[in-house]
Amino acid sequence: MTDDFDEFDIIERHAKEAAARRLEEAKAANAAMQARDEREEAERKARSTRFTLEINERMRLAEYDRHGVDPLPGFRVSIGMLFRFGWKVEGVLGKQMLIPPDPDKPKRKTREDYHRERGT
């Protein structure tokens, strides 16, 4: 009777098992590294967004300071946007104040204004 057992079979099987373990360990390490990179990227993005929002808010408030008025309470709009909608800064009793647009004379163009300009 021939013996089917070969000592090289054991060595080969152990080598394959070791290679499979190393492959799984490498996959796990790569997954952990990718998760860490994604978490760090999300944190960088959040910091960048916070920084941008803070700078934008400072610039918005600086616009109001430049015109000598306080921002409208409850609104987070630039003074330039208010100007486009007809607001003005005027001196009232020695103090600069934001004056809303006259509701009878809207600064914003209406559909009729556009039709009149085009001649239709």
N, C-alpha and C. Protein backbone atom coordinates (compact mmCIF):
# COMPACT_ATOMS: atom_id res chain seq x y z
N MET A 1 0.82 -1.15 0.00
CA MET A 1 0.00 0.00 0.00
C MET A 1 0.88 1.24 0.00
N THR A 2 0.52 2.18 -0.88
CA THR A 2 1.35 3.38 -0.97
C THR A 2 0.82 4.42 -0.01
N ASP A 3 1.74 5.10 0.49
CA ASP A 3 1.39 6.16 1.45
C ASP A 3 1.17 7.46 0.69
N ASP A 4 -0.07 8.05 0.77
CA ASP A 4 -0.40 9.29 0.06
C ASP A 4 0.10 10.51 0.83
N PHE A 5 0.57 10.30 2.00
CA PHE A 5 1.04 11.39 2.82
C PHE A 5 2.40 11.87 2.33
N ASP A 6 2.49 13.21 2.17
CA ASP A 6 3.75 13.80 1.74
C ASP A 6 4.04 14.96 2.69
N GLU A 7 5.24 15.02 3.17
CA GLU A 7 5.59 16.07 4.13
C GLU A 7 5.48 17.46 3.51
N PHE A 8 5.59 17.55 2.18
CA PHE A 8 5.47 18.85 1.54
C PHE A 8 4.02 19.35 1.54
N ASP A 9 3.04 18.41 1.65
CA ASP A 9 1.64 18.81 1.74
C ASP A 9 1.41 19.64 3.00
N ILE A 10 2.00 19.23 4.10
CA ILE A 10 1.84 19.95 5.36
C ILE A 10 2.46 21.34 5.26
N ILE A 11 3.65 21.41 4.70
CA ILE A 11 4.33 22.70 4.55
C ILE A 11 3.52 23.63 3.64
N GLU A 12 3.01 23.07 2.53
CA GLU A 12 2.24 23.87 1.59
C GLU A 12 0.93 24.36 2.24
N ARG A 13 0.26 23.47 2.99
CA ARG A 13 -0.98 23.85 3.64
C ARG A 13 -0.73 24.96 4.67
N HIS A 14 0.34 24.84 5.45
CA HIS A 14 0.68 25.87 6.43
C HIS A 14 1.02 27.19 5.74
N ALA A 15 1.71 27.12 4.63
CA ALA A 15 2.07 28.34 3.89
C ALA A 15 0.81 29.02 3.37
N LYS A 16 -0.13 28.24 2.85
CA LYS A 16 -1.38 28.82 2.34
C LYS A 16 -2.19 29.43 3.48
N GLU A 17 -2.25 28.75 4.61
CA GLU A 17 -2.98 29.29 5.76
C GLU A 17 -2.34 30.59 6.26
N ALA A 18 -1.01 30.61 6.31
CA ALA A 18 -0.29 31.81 6.75
C ALA A 18 -0.53 32.96 5.77
N ALA A 19 -0.52 32.67 4.48
CA ALA A 19 -0.76 33.70 3.47
C ALA A 19 -2.20 34.23 3.59
N ALA A 20 -3.15 33.33 3.82
CA ALA A 20 -4.54 33.74 3.97
C ALA A 20 -4.70 34.63 5.21
N ARG A 21 -4.02 34.28 6.31
CA ARG A 21 -4.07 35.10 7.53
C ARG A 21 -3.48 36.48 7.29
N ARG A 22 -2.33 36.52 6.60
CA ARG A 22 -1.69 37.81 6.31
C ARG A 22 -2.58 38.67 5.42
N LEU A 23 -3.25 38.02 4.46
CA LEU A 23 -4.16 38.76 3.57
C LEU A 23 -5.32 39.35 4.36
N GLU A 24 -5.91 38.58 5.26
CA GLU A 24 -7.02 39.08 6.09
C GLU A 24 -6.55 40.20 7.02
N GLU A 25 -5.36 40.05 7.58
CA GLU A 25 -4.81 41.10 8.45
C GLU A 25 -4.58 42.38 7.65
N ALA A 26 -4.07 42.24 6.43
CA ALA A 26 -3.83 43.42 5.58
C ALA A 26 -5.15 44.09 5.22
N LYS A 27 -6.18 43.28 4.92
CA LYS A 27 -7.49 43.84 4.60
C LYS A 27 -8.06 44.60 5.80
N ALA A 28 -7.92 44.03 6.97
CA ALA A 28 -8.42 44.68 8.19
C ALA A 28 -7.66 45.98 8.45
N ALA A 29 -6.33 45.95 8.27
CA ALA A 29 -5.52 47.15 8.48
C ALA A 29 -5.89 48.23 7.47
N ASN A 30 -6.11 47.85 6.22
CA ASN A 30 -6.51 48.81 5.19
C ASN A 30 -7.88 49.41 5.50
N ALA A 31 -8.81 48.58 5.95
CA ALA A 31 -10.15 49.07 6.28
C ALA A 31 -10.08 50.06 7.45
N ALA A 32 -9.26 49.74 8.46
CA ALA A 32 -9.10 50.63 9.60
C ALA A 32 -8.46 51.95 9.18
N MET A 33 -7.47 51.88 8.30
CA MET A 33 -6.80 53.08 7.82
C MET A 33 -7.77 53.93 6.98
N GLN A 34 -8.58 53.30 6.16
CA GLN A 34 -9.55 54.03 5.35
C GLN A 34 -10.59 54.70 6.24
N ALA A 35 -11.06 53.99 7.25
CA ALA A 35 -12.04 54.56 8.18
C ALA A 35 -11.45 55.77 8.91
N ARG A 36 -10.18 55.66 9.33
CA ARG A 36 -9.51 56.77 10.01
C ARG A 36 -9.37 57.97 9.06
N ASP A 37 -8.95 57.69 7.81
CA ASP A 37 -8.81 58.77 6.83
C ASP A 37 -10.14 59.46 6.57
N GLU A 38 -11.22 58.70 6.46
CA GLU A 38 -12.55 59.28 6.22
C GLU A 38 -12.99 60.12 7.41
N ARG A 39 -12.72 59.64 8.61
CA ARG A 39 -13.08 60.38 9.83
C ARG A 39 -12.29 61.69 9.89
N GLU A 40 -10.98 61.62 9.60
CA GLU A 40 -10.15 62.83 9.64
C GLU A 40 -10.58 63.82 8.56
N GLU A 41 -10.95 63.32 7.38
CA GLU A 41 -11.42 64.19 6.30
C GLU A 41 -12.72 64.88 6.70
N ALA A 42 -13.63 64.15 7.32
CA ALA A 42 -14.89 64.73 7.78
C ALA A 42 -14.63 65.81 8.83
N GLU A 43 -13.68 65.56 9.74
CA GLU A 43 -13.34 66.55 10.76
C GLU A 43 -12.72 67.80 10.13
N ARG A 44 -11.83 67.62 9.13
CA ARG A 44 -11.23 68.76 8.44
C ARG A 44 -12.30 69.58 7.72
N LYS A 45 -13.23 68.88 7.08
CA LYS A 45 -14.30 69.55 6.37
C LYS A 45 -15.17 70.35 7.34
N ALA A 46 -15.49 69.77 8.49
CA ALA A 46 -16.31 70.45 9.48
C ALA A 46 -15.58 71.69 10.02
N ARG A 47 -14.28 71.56 10.28
CA ARG A 47 -13.50 72.72 10.76
C ARG A 47 -13.48 73.82 9.70
N SER A 48 -13.29 73.42 8.45
CA SER A 48 -13.26 74.38 7.36
C SER A 48 -14.61 75.10 7.22
N THR A 49 -15.69 74.35 7.33
CA THR A 49 -17.03 74.94 7.23
C THR A 49 -17.26 75.92 8.38
N ARG A 50 -16.89 75.53 9.60
CA ARG A 50 -17.04 76.43 10.75
C ARG A 50 -16.24 77.71 10.55
N PHE A 51 -15.00 77.55 10.08
CA PHE A 51 -14.13 78.70 9.86
C PHE A 51 -14.75 79.63 8.81
N THR A 52 -15.23 79.07 7.71
CA THR A 52 -15.84 79.87 6.64
C THR A 52 -17.07 80.61 7.15
N LEU A 53 -17.91 79.92 7.92
CA LEU A 53 -19.10 80.57 8.46
C LEU A 53 -18.74 81.70 9.42
N GLU A 54 -17.71 81.49 10.23
CA GLU A 54 -17.28 82.54 11.16
C GLU A 54 -16.75 83.76 10.40
N ILE A 55 -15.95 83.51 9.37
CA ILE A 55 -15.41 84.62 8.57
C ILE A 55 -16.54 85.36 7.86
N ASN A 56 -17.48 84.62 7.29
CA ASN A 56 -18.62 85.26 6.61
C ASN A 56 -19.41 86.13 7.58
N GLU A 57 -19.62 85.62 8.78
CA GLU A 57 -20.39 86.39 9.78
C GLU A 57 -19.62 87.65 10.17
N ARG A 58 -18.31 87.53 10.35
CA ARG A 58 -17.52 88.71 10.69
C ARG A 58 -17.57 89.75 9.58
N MET A 59 -17.51 89.29 8.33
CA MET A 59 -17.56 90.21 7.20
C MET A 59 -18.95 90.87 7.11
N ARG A 60 -20.00 90.11 7.37
CA ARG A 60 -21.36 90.66 7.34
C ARG A 60 -21.50 91.76 8.39
N LEU A 61 -21.03 91.46 9.62
CA LEU A 61 -21.12 92.46 10.69
C LEU A 61 -20.24 93.67 10.40
N ALA A 62 -19.10 93.46 9.75
CA ALA A 62 -18.22 94.57 9.41
C ALA A 62 -18.90 95.51 8.40
N GLU A 63 -19.71 94.94 7.48
CA GLU A 63 -20.47 95.78 6.54
C GLU A 63 -21.39 96.74 7.30
N TYR A 64 -22.09 96.20 8.27
CA TYR A 64 -22.99 97.03 9.07
C TYR A 64 -22.20 98.10 9.83
N ASP A 65 -21.07 97.69 10.42
CA ASP A 65 -20.24 98.65 11.15
C ASP A 65 -19.76 99.77 10.23
N ARG A 66 -19.38 99.42 9.02
CA ARG A 66 -18.89 100.41 8.07
C ARG A 66 -19.96 101.47 7.77
N HIS A 67 -21.21 101.08 7.80
CA HIS A 67 -22.31 102.02 7.54
C HIS A 67 -22.86 102.63 8.83
N GLY A 68 -22.33 102.19 9.98
CA GLY A 68 -22.71 102.79 11.25
C GLY A 68 -24.08 102.37 11.76
N VAL A 69 -24.56 101.20 11.37
CA VAL A 69 -25.87 100.73 11.82
C VAL A 69 -25.75 99.32 12.40
N ASP A 70 -26.77 98.96 13.17
CA ASP A 70 -26.83 97.61 13.73
C ASP A 70 -27.58 96.69 12.76
N PRO A 71 -27.22 95.42 12.74
CA PRO A 71 -27.96 94.48 11.89
C PRO A 71 -29.41 94.36 12.35
N LEU A 72 -30.28 94.01 11.42
CA LEU A 72 -31.68 93.79 11.78
C LEU A 72 -31.78 92.58 12.68
N PRO A 73 -32.46 92.68 13.80
CA PRO A 73 -32.58 91.52 14.68
C PRO A 73 -33.38 90.41 14.00
N GLY A 74 -32.88 89.20 14.14
CA GLY A 74 -33.59 88.05 13.59
C GLY A 74 -33.30 87.76 12.13
N PHE A 75 -32.49 88.61 11.47
CA PHE A 75 -32.17 88.39 10.06
C PHE A 75 -30.66 88.24 9.91
N ARG A 76 -30.25 87.30 9.09
CA ARG A 76 -28.83 87.11 8.83
C ARG A 76 -28.55 87.43 7.36
N VAL A 77 -28.87 88.65 7.01
CA VAL A 77 -28.72 89.08 5.62
C VAL A 77 -27.69 90.20 5.57
N SER A 78 -26.97 90.27 4.46
CA SER A 78 -25.96 91.32 4.33
C SER A 78 -26.65 92.66 4.09
N ILE A 79 -25.95 93.71 4.42
CA ILE A 79 -26.51 95.04 4.20
C ILE A 79 -26.63 95.32 2.70
N GLY A 80 -25.73 94.73 1.92
CA GLY A 80 -25.80 94.88 0.47
C GLY A 80 -27.10 94.31 -0.09
N MET A 81 -27.53 93.18 0.47
CA MET A 81 -28.79 92.59 0.03
C MET A 81 -29.95 93.51 0.39
N LEU A 82 -29.90 94.10 1.58
CA LEU A 82 -30.95 95.04 1.97
C LEU A 82 -30.99 96.23 1.01
N PHE A 83 -29.81 96.73 0.64
CA PHE A 83 -29.75 97.85 -0.30
C PHE A 83 -30.39 97.47 -1.64
N ARG A 84 -30.14 96.25 -2.09
CA ARG A 84 -30.73 95.81 -3.36
C ARG A 84 -32.25 95.77 -3.30
N PHE A 85 -32.80 95.56 -2.11
CA PHE A 85 -34.25 95.52 -1.96
C PHE A 85 -34.84 96.86 -1.53
N GLY A 86 -34.02 97.92 -1.61
CA GLY A 86 -34.56 99.25 -1.39
C GLY A 86 -34.34 99.86 -0.02
N TRP A 87 -33.65 99.17 0.87
CA TRP A 87 -33.36 99.75 2.17
C TRP A 87 -32.31 100.85 1.99
N LYS A 88 -32.30 101.80 2.93
CA LYS A 88 -31.33 102.89 2.90
C LYS A 88 -30.79 103.11 4.31
N VAL A 89 -29.62 103.72 4.36
CA VAL A 89 -29.06 104.17 5.64
C VAL A 89 -29.17 105.68 5.64
N GLU A 90 -29.86 106.20 6.65
CA GLU A 90 -30.04 107.65 6.76
C GLU A 90 -29.81 108.08 8.20
N GLY A 91 -29.40 109.32 8.33
CA GLY A 91 -29.22 109.89 9.66
C GLY A 91 -30.56 110.36 10.21
N VAL A 92 -30.92 109.84 11.39
CA VAL A 92 -32.17 110.23 12.04
C VAL A 92 -31.81 110.65 13.47
N LEU A 93 -32.07 111.93 13.77
CA LEU A 93 -31.77 112.48 15.10
C LEU A 93 -30.32 112.21 15.50
N GLY A 94 -29.42 112.41 14.55
CA GLY A 94 -27.99 112.26 14.82
C GLY A 94 -27.48 110.83 14.87
N LYS A 95 -28.31 109.88 14.49
CA LYS A 95 -27.89 108.47 14.53
C LYS A 95 -28.21 107.82 13.19
N GLN A 96 -27.28 107.02 12.69
CA GLN A 96 -27.50 106.30 11.44
C GLN A 96 -28.50 105.18 11.67
N MET A 97 -29.48 105.07 10.77
CA MET A 97 -30.52 104.03 10.92
C MET A 97 -30.81 103.41 9.57
N LEU A 98 -31.21 102.15 9.61
CA LEU A 98 -31.68 101.47 8.41
C LEU A 98 -33.14 101.85 8.19
N ILE A 99 -33.44 102.31 7.00
CA ILE A 99 -34.79 102.73 6.66
C ILE A 99 -35.34 101.74 5.63
N PRO A 100 -36.49 101.13 5.92
CA PRO A 100 -37.05 100.17 4.97
C PRO A 100 -37.55 100.87 3.71
N PRO A 101 -37.72 100.11 2.65
CA PRO A 101 -38.21 100.71 1.40
C PRO A 101 -39.66 101.15 1.53
N ASP A 102 -40.01 102.10 0.73
CA ASP A 102 -41.39 102.59 0.68
C ASP A 102 -42.23 101.50 0.00
N PRO A 103 -43.24 100.98 0.68
CA PRO A 103 -44.02 99.89 0.08
C PRO A 103 -44.77 100.32 -1.17
N ASP A 104 -44.99 101.61 -1.35
CA ASP A 104 -45.68 102.09 -2.54
C ASP A 104 -44.75 102.23 -3.74
N LYS A 105 -43.45 102.23 -3.47
CA LYS A 105 -42.46 102.34 -4.55
C LYS A 105 -41.46 101.20 -4.42
N PRO A 106 -41.83 99.99 -4.81
CA PRO A 106 -40.90 98.86 -4.64
C PRO A 106 -39.67 99.01 -5.54
N LYS A 107 -38.54 98.73 -4.97
CA LYS A 107 -37.30 98.79 -5.75
C LYS A 107 -37.16 97.54 -6.60
N ARG A 108 -37.69 96.46 -6.12
CA ARG A 108 -37.60 95.20 -6.83
C ARG A 108 -38.49 95.27 -8.07
N LYS A 109 -37.94 94.80 -9.18
CA LYS A 109 -38.71 94.85 -10.41
C LYS A 109 -39.84 93.84 -10.38
N THR A 110 -40.94 94.25 -10.94
CA THR A 110 -42.09 93.36 -11.07
C THR A 110 -42.09 92.76 -12.47
N ARG A 111 -42.95 91.82 -12.69
CA ARG A 111 -43.08 91.21 -14.00
C ARG A 111 -43.47 92.27 -15.04
N GLU A 112 -44.32 93.20 -14.63
CA GLU A 112 -44.74 94.26 -15.54
C GLU A 112 -43.55 95.14 -15.93
N ASP A 113 -42.65 95.40 -14.98
CA ASP A 113 -41.45 96.19 -15.30
C ASP A 113 -40.64 95.52 -16.40
N TYR A 114 -40.46 94.22 -16.30
CA TYR A 114 -39.69 93.50 -17.31
C TYR A 114 -40.39 93.52 -18.66
N HIS A 115 -41.72 93.37 -18.67
CA HIS A 115 -42.47 93.42 -19.93
C HIS A 115 -42.38 94.81 -20.55
N ARG A 116 -42.48 95.84 -19.71
CA ARG A 116 -42.41 97.22 -20.20
C ARG A 116 -41.03 97.48 -20.80
N GLU A 117 -39.97 97.00 -20.16
CA GLU A 117 -38.62 97.22 -20.68
C GLU A 117 -38.41 96.52 -22.01
N ARG A 118 -38.98 95.35 -22.17
CA ARG A 118 -38.81 94.60 -23.42
C ARG A 118 -39.75 95.10 -24.51
N GLY A 119 -40.74 95.89 -24.12
CA GLY A 119 -41.66 96.43 -25.09
C GLY A 119 -42.75 95.45 -25.52
N THR A 120 -43.04 94.49 -24.64
CA THR A 120 -44.09 93.53 -24.99
C THR A 120 -45.36 93.80 -24.24
